[in-house]
Protein backbone atom coordinates (compact mmCIF):
# COMPACT_ATOMS: atom_id res chain seq x y z
CA MET A 1 102.43 58.86 146.03
CA LYS A 2 101.71 58.94 142.26
CA ASN A 3 98.73 57.29 140.75
CA PRO A 4 99.94 54.13 138.52
CA GLU A 5 97.44 54.03 136.24
CA GLU A 6 98.01 58.07 135.12
CA LEU A 7 98.14 58.90 132.00
CA LEU A 8 101.51 59.97 130.31
CA LYS A 9 101.92 61.80 127.34
CA PRO A 10 105.41 61.59 126.26
CA PRO A 11 106.37 65.43 126.88
CA GLN A 12 105.76 64.34 130.50
CA ILE A 13 107.37 60.71 130.11
CA TYR A 14 110.75 63.00 129.04
CA ALA A 15 110.00 65.05 131.89
CA GLU A 16 109.95 62.82 134.40
CA PHE A 17 112.26 60.01 133.07
CA GLY A 18 114.05 61.04 130.49
CA ILE A 19 112.98 59.38 127.58
CA LYS A 20 113.07 61.30 125.45
CA THR A 21 109.77 61.72 123.16
CA ARG A 22 111.84 61.14 119.55
CA CYS A 23 112.85 56.72 121.54
CA LEU A 24 109.22 56.40 122.20
CA ALA A 25 107.86 57.31 118.59
CA TYR A 26 110.60 55.12 117.58
CA MET A 27 109.90 52.02 119.98
CA ARG A 28 106.26 52.97 118.53
CA GLU A 29 107.23 52.75 115.23
CA GLN A 30 109.44 49.61 115.50
CA THR A 31 106.43 47.63 118.05
CA ARG A 32 104.24 48.35 114.62
CA ASP A 33 106.78 47.14 112.08
CA SER A 34 107.81 44.40 114.06
CA GLY A 35 104.04 43.01 115.22
CA GLU A 36 106.27 42.28 118.24
CA LEU A 37 106.02 45.22 121.64
CA PHE A 38 109.07 47.29 121.47
CA GLY A 39 108.90 49.64 124.77
CA PRO A 40 106.44 50.74 127.19
CA MET A 41 102.97 49.94 126.62
CA TRP A 42 100.79 52.87 124.94
CA ILE A 43 97.62 54.02 123.97
CA GLN A 44 96.93 56.05 120.60
CA GLN A 45 93.26 58.04 120.80
CA GLY A 46 93.86 59.72 117.18
CA ASN A 47 97.31 61.47 116.68
CA LEU A 48 97.63 61.97 120.85
CA VAL A 49 99.68 58.89 122.71
CA PHE A 50 99.29 58.16 126.15
CA TYR A 51 101.61 55.93 128.79
CA LYS A 52 100.03 54.63 131.95
CA ARG A 53 102.64 55.54 134.61
CA LYS A 54 102.86 51.65 135.78
CA TRP A 55 103.58 50.74 132.55
CA ILE A 56 106.18 53.08 132.04
CA ASP A 57 107.39 51.59 135.54
CA GLU A 58 107.19 47.70 134.14
CA TRP A 59 109.46 48.53 131.20
CA MET A 60 111.86 50.34 133.03
CA THR A 61 112.55 47.82 136.24
CA LYS A 62 112.18 45.04 133.36
CA HIS A 63 115.09 46.77 130.95
CA GLN A 64 117.38 47.99 133.28
CA GLY A 65 120.02 48.29 130.79
CA PHE A 66 117.99 50.90 129.20
CA VAL A 67 119.89 54.51 130.43
CA PRO A 68 117.86 57.25 129.29
CA PRO A 69 120.02 60.07 128.26
CA VAL A 70 121.46 62.40 130.26
CA GLN A 71 119.21 65.95 130.69
CA THR A 72 121.40 68.24 130.62
CA GLN A 73 120.96 72.23 131.16
CA GLN A 74 123.06 74.75 128.58
CA THR A 75 125.11 76.65 131.10
CA LYS A 76 127.33 78.04 128.31
CA GLN A 77 126.99 81.13 126.84
CA LYS A 78 126.57 81.06 123.49
CA SER A 79 129.71 82.43 121.86
CA SER A 80 129.50 85.40 119.20
CA ASN A 81 129.77 84.54 115.55
CA VAL A 82 133.39 85.99 115.07
CA HIS A 83 135.52 83.51 113.52
CA LYS A 84 139.00 83.48 115.68
CA PHE A 85 140.95 84.93 112.85
CA GLN A 86 138.83 88.37 112.28
CA ASN A 87 139.19 90.94 114.22
CA LYS A 88 136.07 92.22 116.50
CA THR A 89 134.86 95.69 115.41
CA ILE A 90 133.28 97.75 117.75
């Protein structure tokens, strides 16, 4: 079982819960602007931001309507830079 008191950085939150780091930053910004908690609680030490695992779990349970963006792997091969109307040169 994972430690609920464990401190996680935003990239770890993204990897485990699927909440993008920019989304977390936006929620922190909204909290600062409004004075009301918008998103999960966090701890800031200098420029570093940490979240406790239990805070993320509690917030996600409370906000079940929140659906993090699906993490997708790019499986498409990069297309060439040649436009369709141009002839490919060899």
